[in-house]
Amino acid sequence: PVFSGHFPGRPVVPGVLLLDWVQSAVQAHLGQDVCALIDAKFHAPATPTDALELEFDVQTAAIRFEVRSGLRKIASGRFDPPAVE
């Protein structure tokens, strides 16, 4: 259902779905919620058949991420890191 309207005959993965996947993966790795999305850039479309890889780096000021399909950069951005308790 997420592909209806994105786009008939040539489906792409909606950006919000990519961001949700990234956020869920980062939170699962950290064992806690991230605070907010600082920025996101979409460099190339991803299709439903693309194998996607996620790399992220947890830093004090931000959690940087990059989504790739092979050598093609799909998306990148930053989340605020979790608050230190």
PDB file of N, CA and C in Angstrom:
ATOM      1  N   PRO A   1       0.805  -1.229   0.000  1.00  0.00           N
ATOM      2  CA  PRO A   1       0.000   0.000   0.000  1.00  0.00           C
ATOM      3  C   PRO A   1       0.841   1.285   0.000  1.00  0.00           C
ATOM      4  N   VAL A   2       2.065   1.251   0.558  1.00  0.00           N
ATOM      5  CA  VAL A   2       2.860   2.486   0.605  1.00  0.00           C
ATOM      6  C   VAL A   2       3.302   2.942  -0.774  1.00  0.00           C
ATOM      7  N   PHE A   3       3.232   2.052  -1.767  1.00  0.00           N
ATOM      8  CA  PHE A   3       3.705   2.418  -3.095  1.00  0.00           C
ATOM      9  C   PHE A   3       2.622   3.022  -3.978  1.00  0.00           C
ATOM     10  N   SER A   4       1.355   2.931  -3.563  1.00  0.00           N
ATOM     11  CA  SER A   4       0.314   3.535  -4.392  1.00  0.00           C
ATOM     12  C   SER A   4       0.514   5.051  -4.392  1.00  0.00           C
ATOM     13  N   GLY A   5       0.587   5.601  -5.581  1.00  0.00           N
ATOM     14  CA  GLY A   5       0.839   7.030  -5.708  1.00  0.00           C
ATOM     15  C   GLY A   5       2.320   7.369  -5.761  1.00  0.00           C
ATOM     16  N   HIS A   6       3.193   6.393  -5.588  1.00  0.00           N
ATOM     17  CA  HIS A   6       4.654   6.618  -5.609  1.00  0.00           C
ATOM     18  C   HIS A   6       5.327   5.646  -6.571  1.00  0.00           C
ATOM     19  N   PHE A   7       5.220   5.585  -7.666  1.00  0.00           N
ATOM     20  CA  PHE A   7       4.399   6.177  -8.704  1.00  0.00           C
ATOM     21  C   PHE A   7       3.901   5.033  -9.562  1.00  0.00           C
ATOM     22  N   PRO A   8       2.655   5.050 -10.012  1.00  0.00           N
ATOM     23  CA  PRO A   8       2.113   3.938 -10.794  1.00  0.00           C
ATOM     24  C   PRO A   8       3.000   3.629 -12.006  1.00  0.00           C
ATOM     25  N   GLY A   9       3.339   2.349 -12.155  1.00  0.00           N
ATOM     26  CA  GLY A   9       4.171   1.934 -13.271  1.00  0.00           C
ATOM     27  C   GLY A   9       5.664   2.030 -13.012  1.00  0.00           C
ATOM     28  N   ARG A  10       6.053   2.821 -12.049  1.00  0.00           N
ATOM     29  CA  ARG A  10       7.469   2.982 -11.698  1.00  0.00           C
ATOM     30  C   ARG A  10       7.564   3.336 -10.207  1.00  0.00           C
ATOM     31  N   PRO A  11       7.292   2.356  -9.336  1.00  0.00           N
ATOM     32  CA  PRO A  11       7.218   2.654  -7.902  1.00  0.00           C
ATOM     33  C   PRO A  11       8.579   3.028  -7.292  1.00  0.00           C
ATOM     34  N   VAL A  12       8.533   3.953  -6.351  1.00  0.00           N
ATOM     35  CA  VAL A  12       9.706   4.324  -5.551  1.00  0.00           C
ATOM     36  C   VAL A  12       9.320   4.242  -4.078  1.00  0.00           C
ATOM     37  N   VAL A  13      10.312   4.027  -3.247  1.00  0.00           N
ATOM     38  CA  VAL A  13      10.088   3.974  -1.800  1.00  0.00           C
ATOM     39  C   VAL A  13       9.908   5.414  -1.306  1.00  0.00           C
ATOM     40  N   PRO A  14       8.794   5.726  -0.659  1.00  0.00           N
ATOM     41  CA  PRO A  14       8.579   7.081  -0.145  1.00  0.00           C
ATOM     42  C   PRO A  14       9.654   7.465   0.879  1.00  0.00           C
ATOM     43  N   GLY A  15      10.067   8.713   0.841  1.00  0.00           N
ATOM     44  CA  GLY A  15      11.087   9.203   1.761  1.00  0.00           C
ATOM     45  C   GLY A  15      10.723   8.993   3.217  1.00  0.00           C
ATOM     46  N   VAL A  16       9.456   9.164   3.558  1.00  0.00           N
ATOM     47  CA  VAL A  16       9.033   8.988   4.948  1.00  0.00           C
ATOM     48  C   VAL A  16       9.230   7.542   5.401  1.00  0.00           C
ATOM     49  N   LEU A  17       9.067   6.592   4.486  1.00  0.00           N
ATOM     50  CA  LEU A  17       9.293   5.191   4.820  1.00  0.00           C
ATOM     51  C   LEU A  17      10.783   4.926   5.062  1.00  0.00           C
ATOM     52  N   LEU A  18      11.643   5.517   4.235  1.00  0.00           N
ATOM     53  CA  LEU A  18      13.092   5.394   4.452  1.00  0.00           C
ATOM     54  C   LEU A  18      13.493   5.962   5.809  1.00  0.00           C
ATOM     55  N   LEU A  19      12.977   7.150   6.131  1.00  0.00           N
ATOM     56  CA  LEU A  19      13.320   7.785   7.410  1.00  0.00           C
ATOM     57  C   LEU A  19      12.814   6.976   8.595  1.00  0.00           C
ATOM     58  N   ASP A  20      11.625   6.392   8.466  1.00  0.00           N
ATOM     59  CA  ASP A  20      11.084   5.560   9.541  1.00  0.00           C
ATOM     60  C   ASP A  20      11.972   4.334   9.757  1.00  0.00           C
ATOM     61  N   TRP A  21      12.428   3.721   8.664  1.00  0.00           N
ATOM     62  CA  TRP A  21      13.320   2.565   8.746  1.00  0.00           C
ATOM     63  C   TRP A  21      14.634   2.949   9.430  1.00  0.00           C
ATOM     64  N   VAL A  22      15.207   4.084   9.028  1.00  0.00           N
ATOM     65  CA  VAL A  22      16.466   4.540   9.631  1.00  0.00           C
ATOM     66  C   VAL A  22      16.267   4.791  11.123  1.00  0.00           C
ATOM     67  N   GLN A  23      15.231   5.538  11.478  1.00  0.00           N
ATOM     68  CA  GLN A  23      14.975   5.852  12.882  1.00  0.00           C
ATOM     69  C   GLN A  23      14.778   4.577  13.696  1.00  0.00           C
ATOM     70  N   SER A  24      14.005   3.638  13.192  1.00  0.00           N
ATOM     71  CA  SER A  24      13.772   2.382  13.915  1.00  0.00           C
ATOM     72  C   SER A  24      15.072   1.599  14.113  1.00  0.00           C
ATOM     73  N   ALA A  25      15.902   1.536  13.090  1.00  0.00           N
ATOM     74  CA  ALA A  25      17.174   0.805  13.186  1.00  0.00           C
ATOM     75  C   ALA A  25      18.120   1.465  14.191  1.00  0.00           C
ATOM     76  N   VAL A  26      18.213   2.780  14.151  1.00  0.00           N
ATOM     77  CA  VAL A  26      19.092   3.501  15.085  1.00  0.00           C
ATOM     78  C   VAL A  26      18.598   3.309  16.512  1.00  0.00           C
ATOM     79  N   GLN A  27      17.294   3.452  16.729  1.00  0.00           N
ATOM     80  CA  GLN A  27      16.735   3.287  18.071  1.00  0.00           C
ATOM     81  C   GLN A  27      16.931   1.871  18.586  1.00  0.00           C
ATOM     82  N   ALA A  28      16.773   0.878  17.724  1.00  0.00           N
ATOM     83  CA  ALA A  28      16.990  -0.510  18.134  1.00  0.00           C
ATOM     84  C   ALA A  28      18.454  -0.728  18.533  1.00  0.00           C
ATOM     85  N   HIS A  29      19.367  -0.137  17.797  1.00  0.00           N
ATOM     86  CA  HIS A  29      20.799  -0.263  18.100  1.00  0.00           C
ATOM     87  C   HIS A  29      21.135   0.414  19.435  1.00  0.00           C
ATOM     88  N   LEU A  30      20.578   1.608  19.651  1.00  0.00           N
ATOM     89  CA  LEU A  30      20.888   2.372  20.864  1.00  0.00           C
ATOM     90  C   LEU A  30      20.104   1.887  22.082  1.00  0.00           C
ATOM     91  N   GLY A  31      18.948   1.273  21.845  1.00  0.00           N
ATOM     92  CA  GLY A  31      18.091   0.869  22.943  1.00  0.00           C
ATOM     93  C   GLY A  31      17.325   2.025  23.553  1.00  0.00           C
ATOM     94  N   GLN A  32      17.219   3.120  22.811  1.00  0.00           N
ATOM     95  CA  GLN A  32      16.449   4.281  23.273  1.00  0.00           C
ATOM     96  C   GLN A  32      16.049   5.137  22.079  1.00  0.00           C
ATOM     97  N   ASP A  33      15.086   6.028  22.318  1.00  0.00           N
ATOM     98  CA  ASP A  33      14.576   6.877  21.243  1.00  0.00           C
ATOM     99  C   ASP A  33      15.569   7.973  20.882  1.00  0.00           C
ATOM    100  N   VAL A  34      15.580   8.345  19.592  1.00  0.00           N
ATOM    101  CA  VAL A  34      16.308   9.535  19.178  1.00  0.00           C
ATOM    102  C   VAL A  34      15.359  10.712  19.326  1.00  0.00           C
ATOM    103  N   CYS A  35      15.902  11.905  19.495  1.00  0.00           N
ATOM    104  CA  CYS A  35      15.071  13.068  19.823  1.00  0.00           C
ATOM    105  C   CYS A  35      14.361  13.685  18.624  1.00  0.00           C
ATOM    106  N   ALA A  36      15.096  13.993  17.562  1.00  0.00           N
ATOM    107  CA  ALA A  36      14.483  14.702  16.440  1.00  0.00           C
ATOM    108  C   ALA A  36      15.339  14.551  15.195  1.00  0.00           C
ATOM    109  N   LEU A  37      14.702  14.660  14.045  1.00  0.00           N
ATOM    110  CA  LEU A  37      15.412  14.683  12.783  1.00  0.00           C
ATOM    111  C   LEU A  37      15.910  16.100  12.550  1.00  0.00           C
ATOM    112  N   ILE A  38      17.216  16.266  12.391  1.00  0.00           N
ATOM    113  CA  ILE A  38      17.798  17.597  12.162  1.00  0.00           C
ATOM    114  C   ILE A  38      17.699  17.952  10.685  1.00  0.00           C
ATOM    115  N   ASP A  39      18.145  17.042   9.829  1.00  0.00           N
ATOM    116  CA  ASP A  39      18.014  17.260   8.392  1.00  0.00           C
ATOM    117  C   ASP A  39      18.058  15.934   7.660  1.00  0.00           C
ATOM    118  N   ALA A  40      17.543  15.956   6.436  1.00  0.00           N
ATOM    119  CA  ALA A  40      17.563  14.768   5.587  1.00  0.00           C
ATOM    120  C   ALA A  40      17.649  15.226   4.140  1.00  0.00           C
ATOM    121  N   LYS A  41      18.426  14.495   3.365  1.00  0.00           N
ATOM    122  CA  LYS A  41      18.551  14.773   1.933  1.00  0.00           C
ATOM    123  C   LYS A  41      18.299  13.466   1.187  1.00  0.00           C
ATOM    124  N   PHE A  42      17.558  13.570   0.111  1.00  0.00           N
ATOM    125  CA  PHE A  42      17.275  12.422  -0.736  1.00  0.00           C
ATOM    126  C   PHE A  42      18.047  12.627  -2.034  1.00  0.00           C
ATOM    127  N   HIS A  43      19.024  11.758  -2.266  1.00  0.00           N
ATOM    128  CA  HIS A  43      19.948  11.924  -3.383  1.00  0.00           C
ATOM    129  C   HIS A  43      19.504  11.179  -4.634  1.00  0.00           C
ATOM    130  N   ALA A  44      18.850  10.040  -4.469  1.00  0.00           N
ATOM    131  CA  ALA A  44      18.400   9.218  -5.599  1.00  0.00           C
ATOM    132  C   ALA A  44      17.200   8.401  -5.143  1.00  0.00           C
ATOM    133  N   PRO A  45      16.306   8.075  -6.061  1.00  0.00           N
ATOM    134  CA  PRO A  45      15.152   7.264  -5.670  1.00  0.00           C
ATOM    135  C   PRO A  45      15.551   5.812  -5.398  1.00  0.00           C
ATOM    136  N   ALA A  46      14.823   5.180  -4.487  1.00  0.00           N
ATOM    137  CA  ALA A  46      14.976   3.753  -4.215  1.00  0.00           C
ATOM    138  C   ALA A  46      13.714   3.058  -4.692  1.00  0.00           C
ATOM    139  N   THR A  47      13.883   1.922  -5.348  1.00  0.00           N
ATOM    140  CA  THR A  47      12.729   1.153  -5.809  1.00  0.00           C
ATOM    141  C   THR A  47      12.456   0.035  -4.806  1.00  0.00           C
ATOM    142  N   PRO A  48      11.283  -0.569  -4.860  1.00  0.00           N
ATOM    143  CA  PRO A  48      10.957  -1.658  -3.928  1.00  0.00           C
ATOM    144  C   PRO A  48      11.904  -2.859  -4.029  1.00  0.00           C
ATOM    145  N   THR A  49      12.595  -3.010  -5.156  1.00  0.00           N
ATOM    146  CA  THR A  49      13.496  -4.158  -5.321  1.00  0.00           C
ATOM    147  C   THR A  49      14.953  -3.838  -4.969  1.00  0.00           C
ATOM    148  N   ASP A  50      15.271  -2.583  -4.664  1.00  0.00           N
ATOM    149  CA  ASP A  50      16.647  -2.215  -4.298  1.00  0.00           C
ATOM    150  C   ASP A  50      17.019  -2.804  -2.944  1.00  0.00           C
ATOM    151  N   ALA A  51      18.204  -3.374  -2.857  1.00  0.00           N
ATOM    152  CA  ALA A  51      18.751  -3.793  -1.560  1.00  0.00           C
ATOM    153  C   ALA A  51      19.374  -2.558  -0.930  1.00  0.00           C
ATOM    154  N   LEU A  52      18.878  -2.183   0.235  1.00  0.00           N
ATOM    155  CA  LEU A  52      19.350  -0.961   0.889  1.00  0.00           C
ATOM    156  C   LEU A  52      20.262  -1.295   2.057  1.00  0.00           C
ATOM    157  N   GLU A  53      21.282  -0.474   2.227  1.00  0.00           N
ATOM    158  CA  GLU A  53      22.214  -0.613   3.339  1.00  0.00           C
ATOM    159  C   GLU A  53      22.209   0.679   4.129  1.00  0.00           C
ATOM    160  N   LEU A  54      22.269   0.551   5.440  1.00  0.00           N
ATOM    161  CA  LEU A  54      22.278   1.704   6.329  1.00  0.00           C
ATOM    162  C   LEU A  54      23.590   1.742   7.088  1.00  0.00           C
ATOM    163  N   GLU A  55      24.223   2.906   7.079  1.00  0.00           N
ATOM    164  CA  GLU A  55      25.382   3.156   7.926  1.00  0.00           C
ATOM    165  C   GLU A  55      25.051   4.371   8.772  1.00  0.00           C
ATOM    166  N   PHE A  56      25.412   4.303  10.058  1.00  0.00           N
ATOM    167  CA  PHE A  56      25.221   5.486  10.889  1.00  0.00           C
ATOM    168  C   PHE A  56      26.348   5.594  11.894  1.00  0.00           C
ATOM    169  N   ASP A  57      26.558   6.821  12.352  1.00  0.00           N
ATOM    170  CA  ASP A  57      27.639   7.139  13.271  1.00  0.00           C
ATOM    171  C   ASP A  57      27.056   7.966  14.409  1.00  0.00           C
ATOM    172  N   VAL A  58      27.163   7.439  15.618  1.00  0.00           N
ATOM    173  CA  VAL A  58      26.634   8.138  16.786  1.00  0.00           C
ATOM    174  C   VAL A  58      27.722   9.050  17.325  1.00  0.00           C
ATOM    175  N   GLN A  59      27.456  10.347  17.292  1.00  0.00           N
ATOM    176  CA  GLN A  59      28.385  11.353  17.806  1.00  0.00           C
ATOM    177  C   GLN A  59      27.697  12.113  18.924  1.00  0.00           C
ATOM    178  N   THR A  60      28.442  12.925  19.627  1.00  0.00           N
ATOM    179  CA  THR A  60      27.855  13.689  20.733  1.00  0.00           C
ATOM    180  C   THR A  60      26.830  14.705  20.239  1.00  0.00           C
ATOM    181  N   ALA A  61      27.117  15.351  19.125  1.00  0.00           N
ATOM    182  CA  ALA A  61      26.244  16.409  18.619  1.00  0.00           C
ATOM    183  C   ALA A  61      25.137  15.898  17.705  1.00  0.00           C
ATOM    184  N   ALA A  62      25.318  14.729  17.092  1.00  0.00           N
ATOM    185  CA  ALA A  62      24.317  14.231  16.139  1.00  0.00           C
ATOM    186  C   ALA A  62      24.576  12.762  15.813  1.00  0.00           C
ATOM    187  N   ILE A  63      23.540  12.120  15.298  1.00  0.00           N
ATOM    188  CA  ILE A  63      23.661  10.770  14.751  1.00  0.00           C
ATOM    189  C   ILE A  63      23.550  10.939  13.241  1.00  0.00           C
ATOM    190  N   ARG A  64      24.658  10.747  12.554  1.00  0.00           N
ATOM    191  CA  ARG A  64      24.683  10.890  11.097  1.00  0.00           C
ATOM    192  C   ARG A  64      24.352   9.548  10.451  1.00  0.00           C
ATOM    193  N   PHE A  65      23.580   9.599   9.358  1.00  0.00           N
ATOM    194  CA  PHE A  65      23.238   8.354   8.667  1.00  0.00           C
ATOM    195  C   PHE A  65      23.354   8.519   7.162  1.00  0.00           C
ATOM    196  N   GLU A  66      23.516   7.368   6.515  1.00  0.00           N
ATOM    197  CA  GLU A  66      23.552   7.320   5.054  1.00  0.00           C
ATOM    198  C   GLU A  66      22.917   6.005   4.607  1.00  0.00           C
ATOM    199  N   VAL A  67      22.029   6.101   3.643  1.00  0.00           N
ATOM    200  CA  VAL A  67      21.382   4.926   3.052  1.00  0.00           C
ATOM    201  C   VAL A  67      21.929   4.788   1.640  1.00  0.00           C
ATOM    202  N   ARG A  68      22.388   3.577   1.304  1.00  0.00           N
ATOM    203  CA  ARG A  68      22.945   3.306  -0.021  1.00  0.00           C
ATOM    204  C   ARG A  68      22.291   2.077  -0.633  1.00  0.00           C
ATOM    205  N   SER A  69      22.345   2.038  -1.935  1.00  0.00           N
ATOM    206  CA  SER A  69      22.010   0.835  -2.689  1.00  0.00           C
ATOM    207  C   SER A  69      23.212   0.592  -3.581  1.00  0.00           C
ATOM    208  N   GLY A  70      24.072  -0.331  -3.171  1.00  0.00           N
ATOM    209  CA  GLY A  70      25.335  -0.513  -3.874  1.00  0.00           C
ATOM    210  C   GLY A  70      26.175   0.742  -3.720  1.00  0.00           C
ATOM    211  N   LEU A  71      26.636   1.296  -4.822  1.00  0.00           N
ATOM    212  CA  LEU A  71      27.447   2.523  -4.784  1.00  0.00           C
ATOM    213  C   LEU A  71      26.597   3.788  -4.822  1.00  0.00           C
ATOM    214  N   ARG A  72      25.298   3.623  -5.031  1.00  0.00           N
ATOM    215  CA  ARG A  72      24.396   4.770  -5.163  1.00  0.00           C
ATOM    216  C   ARG A  72      23.928   5.260  -3.802  1.00  0.00           C
ATOM    217  N   LYS A  73      24.169   6.542  -3.506  1.00  0.00           N
ATOM    218  CA  LYS A  73      23.670   7.135  -2.263  1.00  0.00           C
ATOM    219  C   LYS A  73      22.203   7.478  -2.449  1.00  0.00           C
ATOM    220  N   ILE A  74      21.367   6.948  -1.564  1.00  0.00           N
ATOM    221  CA  ILE A  74      19.926   7.163  -1.635  1.00  0.00           C
ATOM    222  C   ILE A  74      19.506   8.338  -0.751  1.00  0.00           C
ATOM    223  N   ALA A  75      19.980   8.344   0.498  1.00  0.00           N
ATOM    224  CA  ALA A  75      19.583   9.396   1.447  1.00  0.00           C
ATOM    225  C   ALA A  75      20.675   9.560   2.495  1.00  0.00           C
ATOM    226  N   SER A  76      20.675  10.733   3.120  1.00  0.00           N
ATOM    227  CA  SER A  76      21.595  10.988   4.227  1.00  0.00           C
ATOM    228  C   SER A  76      20.949  12.026   5.133  1.00  0.00           C
ATOM    229  N   GLY A  77      21.468  12.133   6.335  1.00  0.00           N
ATOM    230  CA  GLY A  77      20.928  13.129   7.253  1.00  0.00           C
ATOM    231  C   GLY A  77      21.458  12.963   8.654  1.00  0.00           C
ATOM    232  N   ARG A  78      20.777  13.652   9.586  1.00  0.00           N
ATOM    233  CA  ARG A  78      21.198  13.645  10.987  1.00  0.00           C
ATOM    234  C   ARG A  78      19.994  13.659  11.921  1.00  0.00           C
ATOM    235  N   PHE A  79      20.125  12.939  13.010  1.00  0.00           N
ATOM    236  CA  PHE A  79      19.170  12.988  14.120  1.00  0.00           C
ATOM    237  C   PHE A  79      19.874  13.598  15.325  1.00  0.00           C
ATOM    238  N   ASP A  80      19.092  14.254  16.197  1.00  0.00           N
ATOM    239  CA  ASP A  80      19.622  14.634  17.516  1.00  0.00           C
ATOM    240  C   ASP A  80      19.894  13.350  18.274  1.00  0.00           C
ATOM    241  N   PRO A  81      20.979  13.307  19.023  1.00  0.00           N
ATOM    242  CA  PRO A  81      21.232  12.094  19.828  1.00  0.00           C
ATOM    243  C   PRO A  81      20.291  12.041  21.015  1.00  0.00           C
ATOM    244  N   PRO A  82      20.139  10.878  21.621  1.00  0.00           N
ATOM    245  CA  PRO A  82      19.282  10.774  22.821  1.00  0.00           C
ATOM    246  C   PRO A  82      19.872  11.632  23.940  1.00  0.00           C
ATOM    247  N   ALA A  83      19.006  12.107  24.791  1.00  0.00           N
ATOM    248  CA  ALA A  83      19.455  12.881  25.947  1.00  0.00           C
ATOM    249  C   ALA A  83      20.234  11.966  26.899  1.00  0.00           C
ATOM    250  N   VAL A  84      21.313  12.473  27.430  1.00  0.00           N
ATOM    251  CA  VAL A  84      22.110  11.729  28.382  1.00  0.00           C
ATOM    252  C   VAL A  84      21.468  11.869  29.754  1.00  0.00           C
ATOM    253  N   GLU A  85      21.206  10.723  30.384  1.00  0.00           N
ATOM    254  CA  GLU A  85      20.539  10.765  31.690  1.00  0.00           C
ATOM    255  C   GLU A  85      21.535  10.670  32.798  1.00  0.00           C
TER     256      GLU A  85
END
